[in-house]
Structure formats: structure tokens, C-alpha cells
């Protein structure tokens, strides 16, 4: 079964990533980069339910900008305590 780390190989470097906890109904990681998500993957156990593209407006230094990325929907998230 694929996990987040496997799928990151196919993502563009300038994408942002969210991790949505299906059990809690909230984003537990929002707007992170590839390196941060790789670290998160290494320090947590989880079941990957699905993933989907995201597009949203965010205010940055140059005003409103469109952000593109991927949200990973996960369940059964456990912290491995390695952080």
C-alpha cells in the first residue's frame, strides 16, 4: 500500500501540503513544504485513506495569491515520539 512518502516523489517541489485527520475532522498539518512532510511521515504512524488536489487563496507578501497543493486524508494517526 502506498504512503505519503511514496506519493511525494510525484509532487512538484513548489506544492504545499495539508494532512487532514479523518478521525478528528481537522487539518493536523497545513501549508507545509515537502521536507517538513517527509519528516512528519517518518515520525508518525497512520493509514492513508485518500489524497486530492487543493487550491486556495492566501495573502502573502505580494497580496493575494493562489496556492496549489495536495491534501492527504489520513486516519489512525499515532505519534512515534521521535520528534
Protein backbone atom coordinates (compact mmCIF):
# COMPACT_ATOMS: atom_id res chain seq x y z
CA UNK A 1 0.00 0.00 0.00
CA UNK A 2 1.26 3.48 -0.84
CA UNK A 3 2.01 6.05 1.85
CA UNK A 4 2.70 9.78 1.81
CA UNK A 5 6.44 9.32 1.21
CA UNK A 6 5.81 7.25 -1.92
CA UNK A 7 3.44 9.85 -3.35
CA UNK A 8 5.74 12.81 -2.64
CA UNK A 9 8.07 11.52 -5.37
CA UNK A 10 5.40 12.56 -7.90
CA UNK A 11 4.63 16.02 -6.44
CA UNK A 12 6.09 19.26 -7.74
CA UNK A 13 8.57 20.99 -5.47
CA UNK A 14 6.53 24.19 -5.17
CA UNK A 15 3.36 22.44 -3.92
CA UNK A 16 2.05 22.95 -0.41
CA UNK A 17 0.73 20.04 1.59
CA UNK A 18 -2.01 19.54 4.15
CA UNK A 19 -2.71 16.47 6.26
CA UNK A 20 -6.37 16.03 7.20
CA UNK A 21 -7.19 13.73 10.12
CA UNK A 22 -10.43 11.96 9.14
CA UNK A 23 -10.96 10.75 12.73
CA UNK A 24 -10.77 14.25 14.27
CA UNK A 25 -12.19 16.15 11.29
CA UNK A 26 -9.42 18.77 11.20
CA UNK A 27 -6.19 19.58 9.37
CA UNK A 28 -3.33 18.48 11.59
CA UNK A 29 -0.72 19.87 9.18
CA UNK A 30 -1.45 22.81 6.91
CA UNK A 31 0.56 24.56 4.22
CA UNK A 32 3.83 22.72 4.80
CA UNK A 33 6.59 22.04 2.29
CA UNK A 34 7.88 18.69 1.02
CA UNK A 35 10.76 18.47 3.51
CA UNK A 36 8.50 19.08 6.52
CA UNK A 37 6.01 16.47 5.31
CA UNK A 38 8.77 13.89 4.80
CA UNK A 39 9.82 14.45 8.42
CA UNK A 40 6.19 14.23 9.61
CA UNK A 41 5.81 10.93 7.74
CA UNK A 42 8.90 9.50 9.46
CA UNK A 43 7.67 10.39 12.95
CA UNK A 44 4.02 9.28 12.68
CA UNK A 45 2.16 6.07 12.00
CA UNK A 46 -1.09 6.47 10.05
CA UNK A 47 -3.40 4.93 7.49
CA UNK A 48 -3.60 6.88 4.22
CA UNK A 49 -7.27 6.99 3.17
CA UNK A 50 -7.02 9.20 0.08
CA UNK A 51 -5.42 12.30 -1.38
CA UNK A 52 -6.74 15.13 -3.53
CA UNK A 53 -5.59 18.41 -5.06
CA UNK A 54 -6.14 21.68 -3.23
CA UNK A 55 -6.36 25.24 -4.48
CA UNK A 56 -6.93 28.20 -2.17
CA UNK A 57 -6.33 31.91 -1.88
CA UNK A 58 -3.76 33.06 0.69
CA UNK A 59 -2.46 36.50 1.50
CA UNK A 60 1.30 36.73 1.14
CA UNK A 61 3.93 39.44 0.84
CA UNK A 62 2.73 40.35 -2.63
CA UNK A 63 -1.00 40.30 -1.81
CA UNK A 64 -3.48 37.55 -2.57
CA UNK A 65 -2.04 34.55 -4.33
CA UNK A 66 -3.41 31.19 -5.41
CA UNK A 67 -1.82 28.24 -3.62
CA UNK A 68 -1.76 24.80 -5.24
CA UNK A 69 -1.05 21.56 -3.44
CA UNK A 70 -2.23 18.23 -2.14
CA UNK A 71 -4.23 17.25 0.93
CA UNK A 72 -3.59 13.78 2.34
CA UNK A 73 -6.57 12.31 4.19
CA UNK A 74 -5.34 10.04 6.99
CA UNK A 75 -6.76 8.09 9.91
CA UNK A 76 -5.41 6.27 12.96
CA UNK A 77 -2.60 8.83 13.42
CA UNK A 78 -0.06 7.95 16.07
CA UNK A 79 2.96 9.98 17.11
CA UNK A 80 6.04 7.75 17.27
CA UNK A 81 7.67 10.10 19.79
CA UNK A 82 10.74 10.64 17.62
CA UNK A 83 10.22 14.41 17.16
